[in-house]
């Protein structure tokens, strides 16, 4: 909204011309998100405590987590608000890509909110049944995928699958793109959710991932940089940089309250919305393969669960890890929670940096 108010003023004072620039609005978006999160955080924590909306701890989980019972949860609401307001203020809302990621964030957040509501408020231990949860995620991902295909038929989205390290091979997907979108979005949303088990772990890893994608969206939307690095040019992706900046600022602000010992947890409403949104951004800028590298720790966390479950069923009760996801395995090995979180962050930074170095290898 401020974008539409301030940019026309350049006709009267040249200073306002700076608000046309993506970099300026990205910085302002991130700062705005950070301020909103820092100021609204105590208000939401106090409200959640008053309403007794606290985390329920699984009996089969690590015993060290029992003292976290009752910690305010559903903090993802704060993250979503802190992202949407700056996006509305600083982004060009006529951009269909911006509207798409906003829709995805709110929609995945609603699925997570329903799960949190059933677990925390209605005291249903398992929350939303797994089948129904996956069904809602698949339906939502399919809707987004169909919209991508519709954009593709109108020349606003590239339905070719861009393969890393291949300059000329980019197969046209057409309707086959739909199951690919579903796989990416369901996988990314659940991967963040699985990593949300230690104070600040998922928030910090999301901050690292979205910081990398802030750079990637800018590069994909920039004619000179995309040509120099030989990556797919996506003109509309430039405006996504403003939204990604807001996500980074909101995660940084939330980490202030979510770091150990956490004053608030993001809950499924935060994890599903952040994971799903990162997946949508990766698809829009044609870097879904790079998503696996940027978010490498999330991928490893998700794989540890799949390996554990599969091995448990095949061997009829045996386990590879002491507990899955992987961060719980290290907890049961005796690693302090803070050490696990920081080391996973370091691994996340390495994955993100390595993903950026691969751009020139194309």
Protein backbone atom coordinates (compact mmCIF):
# COMPACT_ATOMS: atom_id res chain seq x y z
CA UNK A 1 0.00 0.00 0.00
CA UNK A 2 2.85 2.38 0.81
CA UNK A 3 4.35 1.31 -2.51
CA UNK A 4 1.36 2.78 -4.35
CA UNK A 5 1.39 5.90 -2.16
CA UNK A 6 5.09 6.75 -2.25
CA UNK A 7 6.22 5.85 -5.78
CA UNK A 8 3.86 8.33 -7.56
CA UNK A 9 5.31 11.10 -5.37
CA UNK A 10 8.53 10.89 -7.38
CA UNK A 11 6.86 13.27 -9.83
CA UNK A 12 6.99 15.94 -7.11
CA UNK A 13 10.21 14.99 -5.31
CA UNK A 14 12.88 12.80 -6.84
CA UNK A 15 13.70 11.27 -3.43
CA UNK A 16 10.59 9.05 -3.61
CA UNK A 17 12.04 7.37 -6.69
CA UNK A 18 14.06 5.14 -4.32
CA UNK A 19 10.88 3.24 -3.42
CA UNK A 20 10.78 1.81 -6.93
CA UNK A 21 13.88 -0.22 -6.19
CA UNK A 22 13.48 -3.83 -5.09
CA UNK A 23 16.51 -3.67 -2.78
CA UNK A 24 15.17 -0.67 -0.85
CA UNK A 25 11.72 -2.16 -0.40
CA UNK A 26 13.17 -5.54 0.57
CA UNK A 27 15.21 -3.92 3.34
CA UNK A 28 12.21 -1.90 4.54
CA UNK A 29 10.01 -5.01 4.40
CA UNK A 30 12.45 -7.01 6.50
CA UNK A 31 12.88 -4.22 9.07
CA UNK A 32 9.10 -3.71 9.29
CA UNK A 33 8.55 -7.45 9.86
CA UNK A 34 11.25 -7.53 12.54
CA UNK A 35 9.75 -4.55 14.41
CA UNK A 36 6.20 -5.94 14.24
CA UNK A 37 7.35 -9.33 15.55
CA UNK A 38 9.39 -7.83 18.38
CA UNK A 39 6.58 -5.54 19.52
CA UNK A 40 3.66 -7.97 19.14
CA UNK A 41 5.58 -10.92 20.60
CA UNK A 42 5.08 -10.07 24.30
CA UNK A 43 1.43 -9.23 23.65
CA UNK A 44 0.74 -12.61 22.02
CA UNK A 45 2.73 -14.54 24.65
CA UNK A 46 0.74 -12.87 27.41
CA UNK A 47 -2.56 -13.57 25.62
CA UNK A 48 -1.71 -17.24 24.98
CA UNK A 49 -0.72 -17.70 28.63
CA UNK A 50 -3.97 -16.11 29.74
CA UNK A 51 -5.98 -18.41 27.47
CA UNK A 52 -3.81 -21.38 28.60
CA UNK A 53 -2.88 -22.23 25.03
CA UNK A 54 0.29 -24.17 25.80
CA UNK A 55 2.32 -26.94 24.23
CA UNK A 56 1.41 -30.56 24.94
CA UNK A 57 4.46 -32.82 25.28
CA UNK A 58 4.36 -36.37 23.91
CA UNK A 59 4.86 -39.00 26.60
CA UNK A 60 7.17 -40.98 24.28
CA UNK A 61 9.38 -37.95 23.62
CA UNK A 62 12.67 -37.12 25.38
CA UNK A 63 12.17 -36.64 29.12
CA UNK A 64 14.08 -33.34 28.97
CA UNK A 65 11.10 -31.86 27.12
CA UNK A 66 8.61 -32.35 29.95
CA UNK A 67 9.57 -29.03 31.54
CA UNK A 68 8.41 -27.29 28.33
CA UNK A 69 4.82 -28.33 28.89
CA UNK A 70 2.52 -25.33 28.92
CA UNK A 71 4.86 -23.06 26.94
CA UNK A 72 2.65 -20.86 24.71
CA UNK A 73 2.26 -22.35 21.25
CA UNK A 74 0.63 -21.33 17.93
CA UNK A 75 3.21 -18.55 17.64
CA UNK A 76 3.06 -19.04 13.88
CA UNK A 77 0.16 -16.59 13.98
CA UNK A 78 2.68 -13.91 14.98
CA UNK A 79 5.01 -14.93 12.13
CA UNK A 80 2.23 -14.80 9.52
CA UNK A 81 1.01 -11.39 10.69
CA UNK A 82 4.58 -10.06 10.74
CA UNK A 83 5.05 -11.18 7.13
CA UNK A 84 1.72 -10.20 5.61
CA UNK A 85 1.66 -6.61 6.90
CA UNK A 86 5.08 -5.64 5.42
CA UNK A 87 4.18 -7.45 2.19
CA UNK A 88 0.97 -5.44 1.95
CA UNK A 89 2.86 -2.23 2.69
CA UNK A 90 5.95 -2.58 0.49
CA UNK A 91 5.23 -5.14 -2.27
CA UNK A 92 3.57 -4.54 -5.63
CA UNK A 93 0.31 -6.40 -5.08
CA UNK A 94 -0.51 -6.38 -8.77
CA UNK A 95 2.18 -9.05 -9.11
CA UNK A 96 0.50 -12.47 -9.37
CA UNK A 97 3.50 -14.21 -7.81
CA UNK A 98 3.22 -12.11 -4.64
CA UNK A 99 -0.49 -12.85 -4.35
CA UNK A 100 0.23 -16.57 -4.86
CA UNK A 101 2.74 -16.82 -2.00
CA UNK A 102 0.43 -14.82 0.28
CA UNK A 103 -2.42 -17.23 -0.51
CA UNK A 104 -0.15 -20.23 0.09
CA UNK A 105 1.09 -18.90 3.43
CA UNK A 106 -2.38 -18.23 4.78
CA UNK A 107 -3.82 -21.51 3.45
CA UNK A 108 -1.07 -23.77 4.80
CA UNK A 109 -1.28 -21.77 8.02
CA UNK A 110 -4.99 -22.57 8.30
CA UNK A 111 -4.26 -26.30 8.04
CA UNK A 112 -1.67 -25.95 10.77
CA UNK A 113 -4.02 -23.83 12.85
CA UNK A 114 -6.68 -26.55 12.67
CA UNK A 115 -4.15 -29.14 13.81
CA UNK A 116 -2.98 -26.93 16.71
CA UNK A 117 -6.55 -26.09 17.65
CA UNK A 118 -7.51 -29.76 17.96
CA UNK A 119 -4.34 -30.65 19.91
CA UNK A 120 -4.08 -27.70 22.26
CA UNK A 121 -7.57 -26.31 22.71
CA UNK A 122 -9.72 -29.39 22.10
CA UNK A 123 -7.12 -31.60 23.86
CA UNK A 124 -7.13 -34.23 21.11
CA UNK A 125 -3.68 -35.76 21.59
CA UNK A 126 -3.04 -36.57 17.93
CA UNK A 127 -4.58 -33.35 16.63
CA UNK A 128 -5.69 -33.54 13.03
CA UNK A 129 -5.64 -37.18 11.87
CA UNK A 130 -2.62 -37.86 9.66
CA UNK A 131 -4.74 -38.93 6.67
CA UNK A 132 -6.89 -35.80 6.83
CA UNK A 133 -3.85 -33.58 7.31
CA UNK A 134 -2.15 -35.01 4.23
CA UNK A 135 -5.41 -34.83 2.30
CA UNK A 136 -5.81 -31.10 3.02
CA UNK A 137 -2.17 -30.48 2.10
CA UNK A 138 -2.52 -32.41 -1.16
CA UNK A 139 -5.74 -30.60 -2.12
CA UNK A 140 -4.22 -27.20 -1.37
CA UNK A 141 -1.04 -28.09 -3.28
CA UNK A 142 -3.15 -29.27 -6.21
CA UNK A 143 -5.03 -25.96 -6.27
CA UNK A 144 -1.74 -24.07 -6.34
CA UNK A 145 -0.41 -26.43 -9.03
CA UNK A 146 -3.49 -25.89 -11.19
CA UNK A 147 -3.00 -22.15 -10.83
CA UNK A 148 0.61 -22.55 -12.00
CA UNK A 149 -0.62 -24.43 -15.06
CA UNK A 150 -3.21 -21.71 -15.72
CA UNK A 151 -0.46 -19.08 -15.47
CA UNK A 152 1.60 -21.18 -17.87
CA UNK A 153 -1.17 -21.19 -20.48
CA UNK A 154 -1.25 -17.37 -20.23
CA UNK A 155 2.51 -17.00 -20.59
CA UNK A 156 3.09 -15.95 -16.97
CA UNK A 157 4.81 -19.13 -15.79
CA UNK A 158 7.35 -21.48 -17.31
CA UNK A 159 6.05 -25.07 -17.33
CA UNK A 160 9.47 -26.44 -18.28
CA UNK A 161 11.39 -28.27 -15.57
CA UNK A 162 14.71 -26.48 -15.16
CA UNK A 163 17.42 -29.02 -14.43
CA UNK A 164 20.52 -27.88 -12.52
CA UNK A 165 23.87 -28.29 -14.31
CA UNK A 166 22.08 -28.73 -17.67
CA UNK A 167 22.10 -25.63 -19.86
CA UNK A 168 19.80 -26.80 -22.64
CA UNK A 169 17.80 -29.73 -21.27
CA UNK A 170 14.56 -28.40 -19.77
CA UNK A 171 11.70 -30.86 -20.43
CA UNK A 172 8.20 -29.45 -20.86
CA UNK A 173 5.99 -30.80 -18.07
CA UNK A 174 2.48 -29.63 -18.97
CA UNK A 175 -0.06 -31.42 -16.77
CA UNK A 176 2.70 -33.63 -15.35
CA UNK A 177 3.76 -30.52 -13.47
CA UNK A 178 0.77 -30.96 -11.13
CA UNK A 179 2.03 -34.06 -9.20
CA UNK A 180 5.50 -32.45 -9.08
CA UNK A 181 4.06 -29.36 -7.38
CA UNK A 182 2.14 -31.53 -4.92
CA UNK A 183 5.31 -33.48 -4.05
CA UNK A 184 7.35 -30.31 -3.47
CA UNK A 185 4.75 -28.48 -1.39
CA UNK A 186 3.63 -31.38 0.78
CA UNK A 187 7.25 -32.36 1.32
CA UNK A 188 8.53 -28.87 2.16
CA UNK A 189 5.69 -28.05 4.56
CA UNK A 190 6.08 -31.30 6.48
CA UNK A 191 9.89 -31.13 6.51
CA UNK A 192 9.81 -27.84 8.44
CA UNK A 193 7.15 -29.28 10.73
CA UNK A 194 9.32 -32.29 11.57
CA UNK A 195 12.30 -30.07 12.41
CA UNK A 196 10.23 -28.00 14.84
CA UNK A 197 11.23 -29.98 17.92
CA UNK A 198 13.90 -27.94 19.70
CA UNK A 199 13.94 -24.31 20.82
CA UNK A 200 14.80 -22.14 17.84
CA UNK A 201 15.78 -25.03 15.55
CA UNK A 202 13.12 -24.71 12.83
CA UNK A 203 13.01 -20.91 13.12
CA UNK A 204 16.77 -20.55 12.65
CA UNK A 205 16.90 -23.03 9.77
CA UNK A 206 13.97 -21.28 8.08
CA UNK A 207 15.77 -17.94 8.50
CA UNK A 208 18.86 -19.40 6.81
CA UNK A 209 16.82 -20.92 3.95
CA UNK A 210 14.71 -17.84 3.26
CA UNK A 211 17.79 -15.59 3.38
CA UNK A 212 19.28 -17.69 0.60
CA UNK A 213 16.01 -17.55 -1.34
CA UNK A 214 15.87 -13.77 -0.91
CA UNK A 215 19.10 -13.63 -2.91
CA UNK A 216 17.86 -16.24 -5.39
CA UNK A 217 14.57 -14.44 -6.10
CA UNK A 218 16.47 -11.23 -6.78
CA UNK A 219 18.89 -13.02 -9.12
CA UNK A 220 16.07 -14.82 -10.97
CA UNK A 221 14.23 -11.55 -11.55
CA UNK A 222 17.30 -9.56 -12.61
CA UNK A 223 18.06 -9.63 -16.34
CA UNK A 224 21.83 -9.16 -16.05
CA UNK A 225 22.43 -11.48 -13.10
CA UNK A 226 20.23 -14.30 -14.44
CA UNK A 227 21.96 -14.09 -17.83
CA UNK A 228 25.43 -13.99 -16.25
CA UNK A 229 24.71 -17.01 -14.04
CA UNK A 230 22.85 -18.79 -16.85
CA UNK A 231 19.68 -19.41 -14.84
CA UNK A 232 16.07 -19.12 -15.93
CA UNK A 233 14.95 -15.48 -16.07
CA UNK A 234 11.68 -14.99 -14.19
CA UNK A 235 10.80 -11.27 -14.44
CA UNK A 236 7.91 -11.42 -11.96
CA UNK A 237 10.12 -13.12 -9.37
CA UNK A 238 11.89 -9.85 -8.59
CA UNK A 239 8.93 -8.68 -6.52
CA UNK A 240 9.07 -11.90 -4.49
CA UNK A 241 12.32 -10.56 -3.03
CA UNK A 242 10.26 -8.07 -1.00
CA UNK A 243 8.11 -10.90 0.39
CA UNK A 244 11.14 -13.08 1.12
CA UNK A 245 12.72 -10.16 2.97
CA UNK A 246 9.62 -9.93 5.15
CA UNK A 247 9.88 -13.65 5.91
CA UNK A 248 13.52 -13.25 6.95
CA UNK A 249 12.69 -10.29 9.21
CA UNK A 250 9.76 -12.11 10.82
CA UNK A 251 11.83 -15.24 11.50
CA UNK A 252 14.60 -13.12 13.01
CA UNK A 253 12.08 -11.37 15.26
CA UNK A 254 10.41 -14.63 16.27
CA UNK A 255 13.77 -16.18 17.09
CA UNK A 256 14.15 -13.51 19.80
CA UNK A 257 11.37 -15.25 21.73
CA UNK A 258 11.80 -18.78 20.37
CA UNK A 259 15.49 -19.23 21.25
CA UNK A 260 16.38 -21.40 24.23
CA UNK A 261 14.66 -21.34 26.65
CA UNK A 262 11.71 -20.69 24.34
CA UNK A 263 8.99 -18.31 25.49
CA UNK A 264 6.77 -19.37 22.60
CA UNK A 265 6.61 -22.14 19.98
CA UNK A 266 5.52 -21.63 16.38
CA UNK A 267 3.29 -24.72 16.31
CA UNK A 268 1.98 -26.32 13.14
CA UNK A 269 0.40 -23.02 12.09
CA UNK A 270 3.90 -21.61 11.73
CA UNK A 271 5.79 -24.68 10.50
CA UNK A 272 3.33 -25.63 7.75
CA UNK A 273 2.91 -22.05 6.54
CA UNK A 274 6.66 -21.36 6.39
CA UNK A 275 7.52 -24.70 4.76
CA UNK A 276 4.74 -24.46 2.21
CA UNK A 277 5.63 -20.87 1.33
CA UNK A 278 9.31 -21.66 0.79
CA UNK A 279 8.23 -24.48 -1.51
CA UNK A 280 6.01 -22.13 -3.53
CA UNK A 281 8.82 -19.57 -3.85
CA UNK A 282 11.22 -22.28 -5.08
CA UNK A 283 8.69 -23.39 -7.70
CA UNK A 284 7.95 -19.86 -8.89
CA UNK A 285 11.62 -19.01 -9.45
CA UNK A 286 12.22 -22.40 -11.12
CA UNK A 287 14.71 -23.57 -8.48
CA UNK A 288 12.82 -26.44 -6.90
CA UNK A 289 15.84 -28.74 -7.26
CA UNK A 290 17.96 -26.18 -5.45
CA UNK A 291 15.37 -26.27 -2.65
CA UNK A 292 16.67 -29.70 -1.65
CA UNK A 293 20.14 -28.21 -1.22
CA UNK A 294 19.21 -24.87 0.37
CA UNK A 295 17.03 -26.66 2.91
CA UNK A 296 19.34 -29.64 3.27
CA UNK A 297 18.92 -30.00 7.03
CA UNK A 298 15.13 -30.07 6.66
CA UNK A 299 15.52 -32.80 4.03
CA UNK A 300 17.79 -34.84 6.31
CA UNK A 301 15.32 -34.47 9.20
CA UNK A 302 12.46 -35.71 7.00
CA UNK A 303 14.54 -38.58 5.61
CA UNK A 304 15.49 -39.69 9.12
CA UNK A 305 11.81 -40.14 9.93
CA UNK A 306 11.09 -42.06 6.72
CA UNK A 307 14.14 -44.30 7.21
CA UNK A 308 13.25 -44.96 10.84
CA UNK A 309 9.63 -45.83 10.08
CA UNK A 310 10.51 -47.97 7.06
CA UNK A 311 13.26 -49.87 8.88
CA UNK A 312 11.01 -50.35 11.93
CA UNK A 313 8.32 -51.97 9.78
CA UNK A 314 10.70 -54.11 7.75
CA UNK A 315 12.60 -55.44 10.77
CA UNK A 316 9.47 -55.62 12.96
CA UNK A 317 10.58 -53.37 15.76
CA UNK A 318 14.25 -52.53 15.23
CA UNK A 319 15.48 -48.94 14.95
CA UNK A 320 18.38 -47.23 13.19
CA UNK A 321 18.17 -44.04 15.26
CA UNK A 322 17.48 -43.84 18.96
CA UNK A 323 14.57 -41.57 18.07
CA UNK A 324 13.44 -39.68 14.96
CA UNK A 325 13.56 -36.94 13.75
CA UNK A 326 17.34 -36.82 13.82
CA UNK A 327 17.66 -34.04 16.41
CA UNK A 328 16.05 -36.32 19.01
CA UNK A 329 18.66 -38.98 18.24
CA UNK A 330 21.41 -36.59 19.28
CA UNK A 331 19.44 -35.56 22.37
CA UNK A 332 19.31 -39.17 23.53
CA UNK A 333 23.05 -39.43 22.87
CA UNK A 334 23.49 -36.77 25.55
CA UNK A 335 24.09 -33.67 23.43
CA UNK A 336 22.76 -30.47 25.09
CA UNK A 337 19.83 -28.91 23.26
CA UNK A 338 21.64 -25.65 22.58
CA UNK A 339 24.60 -27.51 21.01
CA UNK A 340 22.33 -29.50 18.70
CA UNK A 341 20.50 -26.37 17.55
CA UNK A 342 23.67 -24.37 16.85
CA UNK A 343 25.34 -27.27 15.05
CA UNK A 344 22.24 -27.82 12.90
CA UNK A 345 22.25 -24.09 12.12
CA UNK A 346 25.91 -24.36 11.06
CA UNK A 347 25.02 -27.28 8.80
CA UNK A 348 22.12 -25.22 7.40
CA UNK A 349 24.45 -22.31 6.62
CA UNK A 350 26.87 -24.67 4.86
CA UNK A 351 24.06 -26.11 2.73
CA UNK A 352 22.79 -22.62 1.85
CA UNK A 353 26.24 -21.33 0.93
CA UNK A 354 27.00 -24.42 -1.12
CA UNK A 355 23.72 -24.02 -3.00
CA UNK A 356 24.66 -20.45 -3.94
CA UNK A 357 28.09 -21.55 -5.17
CA UNK A 358 26.47 -24.02 -7.58
CA UNK A 359 24.85 -21.18 -9.56
CA UNK A 360 28.00 -20.40 -11.52
CA UNK A 361 28.67 -24.10 -12.16
CA UNK A 362 25.86 -24.02 -14.65
